């Protein structure tokens, strides 16, 4: 029985995924400045030359990793519409953000570190694509308010609250675990986070 060989595209996809996963661990452990292409190659168990084949340099690798993180966060909210039910969409969004904190805490930490350090790589994105994306979501929330579907709240602060409260469980996990007196959060803990934040945020919007 013959074994089907991987196509060039499949090999590229697999190698890039390996590199990005290794890079995520490296950037969390050492920050952008301290991160090493050599160590990333060792973590991915591939030759260093392979990284330079797919990425121009460390900055290019870091930038593509940030892009992957942002895309994974925004995809489900990209299609937000005034026709969506506020309670349904906000409930789903809070749940998804908590799941990102649970399953990909390193991604959240890398993004947080980038912003805390003045967003040297993301600055242009934040003032262009991100601002446009955010303005579109603000318009939808303002429409919900005008239609009386949710209470009058500041749309910016509503989204900032969702982002900060959900990502807190990834970015400040050490503090969270110390507060809980635990070594790690289990599924029940995350379910409780989802239920608590959803209840608090929806009530703040006047939703049952």
Protein backbone atom coordinates (compact mmCIF):
# COMPACT_ATOMS: atom_id res chain seq x y z
CA UNK A 1 0.00 0.00 0.00
CA UNK A 2 1.53 3.30 -1.08
CA UNK A 3 1.77 6.23 1.29
CA UNK A 4 0.46 9.46 -0.14
CA UNK A 5 3.15 12.13 -0.12
CA UNK A 6 2.44 15.58 1.23
CA UNK A 7 2.10 18.36 -1.30
CA UNK A 8 4.40 21.38 -1.17
CA UNK A 9 1.54 23.41 0.25
CA UNK A 10 0.86 20.86 2.98
CA UNK A 11 4.53 20.74 3.95
CA UNK A 12 4.63 24.52 4.13
CA UNK A 13 1.46 24.67 6.21
CA UNK A 14 2.77 22.05 8.64
CA UNK A 15 6.19 23.67 9.02
CA UNK A 16 4.79 27.17 9.47
CA UNK A 17 2.40 25.87 12.15
CA UNK A 18 5.30 24.18 13.96
CA UNK A 19 7.37 27.36 13.83
CA UNK A 20 4.55 29.61 15.03
CA UNK A 21 3.76 27.28 17.93
CA UNK A 22 7.42 27.20 18.98
CA UNK A 23 7.72 30.97 18.52
CA UNK A 24 4.71 31.56 20.75
CA UNK A 25 6.39 29.71 23.61
CA UNK A 26 9.69 31.49 22.99
CA UNK A 27 8.18 35.00 22.89
CA UNK A 28 6.20 34.36 26.08
CA UNK A 29 9.29 33.07 27.86
CA UNK A 30 11.79 35.71 26.71
CA UNK A 31 9.84 38.61 25.18
CA UNK A 32 10.48 39.92 21.68
CA UNK A 33 13.94 41.30 22.37
CA UNK A 34 15.16 38.24 24.23
CA UNK A 35 13.66 35.69 21.85
CA UNK A 36 16.08 33.67 19.75
CA UNK A 37 15.56 32.18 16.28
CA UNK A 38 18.00 29.44 17.30
CA UNK A 39 15.86 28.45 20.28
CA UNK A 40 12.68 28.63 18.21
CA UNK A 41 14.24 26.18 15.73
CA UNK A 42 15.21 23.90 18.60
CA UNK A 43 11.70 24.06 20.07
CA UNK A 44 10.19 23.23 16.66
CA UNK A 45 12.81 20.54 16.10
CA UNK A 46 13.62 21.84 12.63
CA UNK A 47 16.79 23.32 11.07
CA UNK A 48 17.25 27.04 11.67
CA UNK A 49 17.47 27.54 7.90
CA UNK A 50 13.84 26.40 7.59
CA UNK A 51 12.68 29.35 9.66
CA UNK A 52 14.52 31.79 7.39
CA UNK A 53 12.95 30.02 4.41
CA UNK A 54 9.44 30.91 5.62
CA UNK A 55 10.13 34.15 7.51
CA UNK A 56 12.43 37.06 6.67
CA UNK A 57 13.65 37.58 10.23
CA UNK A 58 12.50 37.56 13.85
CA UNK A 59 10.37 40.67 13.36
CA UNK A 60 8.55 39.08 10.42
CA UNK A 61 7.92 35.94 12.46
CA UNK A 62 6.66 37.97 15.43
CA UNK A 63 4.41 40.06 13.20
CA UNK A 64 2.87 37.02 11.55
CA UNK A 65 2.30 35.43 14.94
CA UNK A 66 0.50 38.55 16.16
CA UNK A 67 -1.61 38.55 13.01
CA UNK A 68 -2.60 34.93 13.59
CA UNK A 69 -3.60 35.73 17.18
CA UNK A 70 -5.71 38.73 16.15
CA UNK A 71 -7.45 36.86 13.34
CA UNK A 72 -8.37 34.00 15.69
CA UNK A 73 -9.89 36.51 18.13
CA UNK A 74 -11.82 38.60 15.62
CA UNK A 75 -13.18 36.10 13.12
CA UNK A 76 -16.46 35.30 14.86
CA UNK A 77 -17.16 38.99 15.59
CA UNK A 78 -16.34 40.17 12.07
CA UNK A 79 -19.88 39.59 10.84
CA UNK A 80 -21.58 41.45 13.72
CA UNK A 81 -24.80 43.01 12.40
CA UNK A 82 -27.59 45.24 13.68
CA UNK A 83 -29.88 42.29 12.94
CA UNK A 84 -28.13 40.14 15.54
CA UNK A 85 -29.77 39.60 18.90
CA UNK A 86 -27.63 41.46 21.50
CA UNK A 87 -28.06 38.87 24.24
CA UNK A 88 -27.20 35.97 21.96
CA UNK A 89 -24.19 37.61 20.34
CA UNK A 90 -22.69 39.03 23.56
CA UNK A 91 -23.15 35.73 25.37
CA UNK A 92 -21.38 33.87 22.56
CA UNK A 93 -18.60 36.46 22.37
CA UNK A 94 -17.86 36.33 26.10
CA UNK A 95 -17.81 32.53 25.95
CA UNK A 96 -15.42 32.52 23.01
CA UNK A 97 -13.06 35.02 24.61
CA UNK A 98 -12.87 32.92 27.77
CA UNK A 99 -12.14 29.84 25.64
CA UNK A 100 -9.23 31.70 24.04
CA UNK A 101 -7.92 32.54 27.52
CA UNK A 102 -8.30 28.88 28.51
CA UNK A 103 -6.81 27.21 25.44
CA UNK A 104 -4.35 29.84 24.20
CA UNK A 105 -3.15 31.92 27.16
CA UNK A 106 0.24 32.47 25.53
CA UNK A 107 -1.38 34.23 22.58
CA UNK A 108 -3.10 36.66 24.92
CA UNK A 109 0.11 37.28 26.87
CA UNK A 110 2.08 38.03 23.71
CA UNK A 111 -0.54 40.53 22.53
CA UNK A 112 -0.69 42.15 25.97
CA UNK A 113 3.10 42.46 26.12
CA UNK A 114 3.17 44.07 22.68
CA UNK A 115 0.60 46.69 23.71
CA UNK A 116 2.19 47.32 27.11
CA UNK A 117 5.49 48.08 25.36
CA UNK A 118 3.84 50.71 23.18
CA UNK A 119 2.80 48.41 20.31
CA UNK A 120 5.94 49.01 18.17
CA UNK A 121 4.86 46.33 15.68
CA UNK A 122 1.09 46.83 15.91
CA UNK A 123 0.94 50.62 16.07
CA UNK A 124 0.02 51.09 12.40
CA UNK A 125 -2.54 48.29 12.58
CA UNK A 126 -4.16 49.75 15.71
CA UNK A 127 -4.64 53.14 14.04
CA UNK A 128 -5.95 51.73 10.75
CA UNK A 129 -7.47 48.25 10.41
CA UNK A 130 -8.26 47.84 14.11
CA UNK A 131 -9.82 51.31 14.36
CA UNK A 132 -12.02 50.63 11.35
CA UNK A 133 -13.01 47.20 12.71
CA UNK A 134 -13.84 48.68 16.11
CA UNK A 135 -15.84 51.59 14.64
CA UNK A 136 -18.02 49.09 12.77
CA UNK A 137 -18.82 47.23 16.01
CA UNK A 138 -19.49 50.50 17.84
CA UNK A 139 -22.02 51.47 15.16
CA UNK A 140 -23.89 48.20 15.68
CA UNK A 141 -24.00 48.62 19.46
CA UNK A 142 -25.16 52.25 19.10
CA UNK A 143 -27.97 51.02 16.87
CA UNK A 144 -29.00 48.46 19.47
CA UNK A 145 -29.15 51.28 22.02
CA UNK A 146 -31.24 53.52 19.75
CA UNK A 147 -33.64 50.64 19.14
CA UNK A 148 -33.99 50.07 22.87
CA UNK A 149 -32.56 46.57 22.69
CA UNK A 150 -29.95 47.32 25.37
CA UNK A 151 -29.55 50.07 27.97
CA UNK A 152 -27.59 53.21 27.23
CA UNK A 153 -23.95 52.27 27.76
CA UNK A 154 -20.71 53.52 26.28
CA UNK A 155 -20.02 51.00 23.47
CA UNK A 156 -16.24 51.46 23.74
CA UNK A 157 -16.24 50.72 27.45
CA UNK A 158 -18.51 47.71 26.93
CA UNK A 159 -16.03 46.11 24.52
CA UNK A 160 -13.02 47.16 26.59
CA UNK A 161 -14.68 45.52 29.60
CA UNK A 162 -15.28 42.26 27.72
CA UNK A 163 -11.70 42.17 26.45
CA UNK A 164 -10.06 43.04 29.75
CA UNK A 165 -12.21 40.79 31.95
CA UNK A 166 -11.88 37.72 29.74
CA UNK A 167 -8.18 38.12 28.95
CA UNK A 168 -7.41 38.70 32.63
CA UNK A 169 -7.57 34.93 33.18
CA UNK A 170 -4.72 34.48 30.68
CA UNK A 171 -2.61 37.60 31.15
CA UNK A 172 -2.75 37.55 34.96
CA UNK A 173 -3.12 33.82 35.51
CA UNK A 174 -0.48 33.83 38.27
CA UNK A 175 -2.50 36.37 40.24
CA UNK A 176 -5.78 34.55 39.54
CA UNK A 177 -4.40 31.21 40.73
CA UNK A 178 -2.93 32.81 43.85
CA UNK A 179 -6.33 34.31 44.59
CA UNK A 180 -8.04 30.97 44.14
CA UNK A 181 -5.31 29.14 46.06
CA UNK A 182 -4.93 26.72 43.14
CA UNK A 183 -2.15 25.46 40.91
CA UNK A 184 -4.40 25.40 37.85
CA UNK A 185 -7.97 26.18 36.81
CA UNK A 186 -10.16 23.24 35.79
CA UNK A 187 -13.16 23.08 33.44
CA UNK A 188 -15.61 23.88 36.25
CA UNK A 189 -13.62 27.00 37.13
CA UNK A 190 -13.79 28.27 33.56
CA UNK A 191 -17.50 27.46 33.36
CA UNK A 192 -18.00 29.58 36.47
CA UNK A 193 -16.01 32.42 34.90
CA UNK A 194 -18.22 32.29 31.80
CA UNK A 195 -21.44 32.27 33.84
CA UNK A 196 -20.30 35.05 36.17
CA UNK A 197 -18.97 37.43 33.52
CA UNK A 198 -21.93 36.81 31.22
CA UNK A 199 -24.38 37.57 34.02
CA UNK A 200 -22.53 40.71 35.14
CA UNK A 201 -22.03 42.14 31.65
CA UNK A 202 -25.52 41.35 30.35
CA UNK A 203 -27.15 42.85 33.45
CA UNK A 204 -25.01 45.94 32.93
CA UNK A 205 -26.56 46.22 29.48
CA UNK A 206 -30.07 45.78 30.85
CA UNK A 207 -30.41 42.22 29.55
CA UNK A 208 -31.89 39.45 31.66
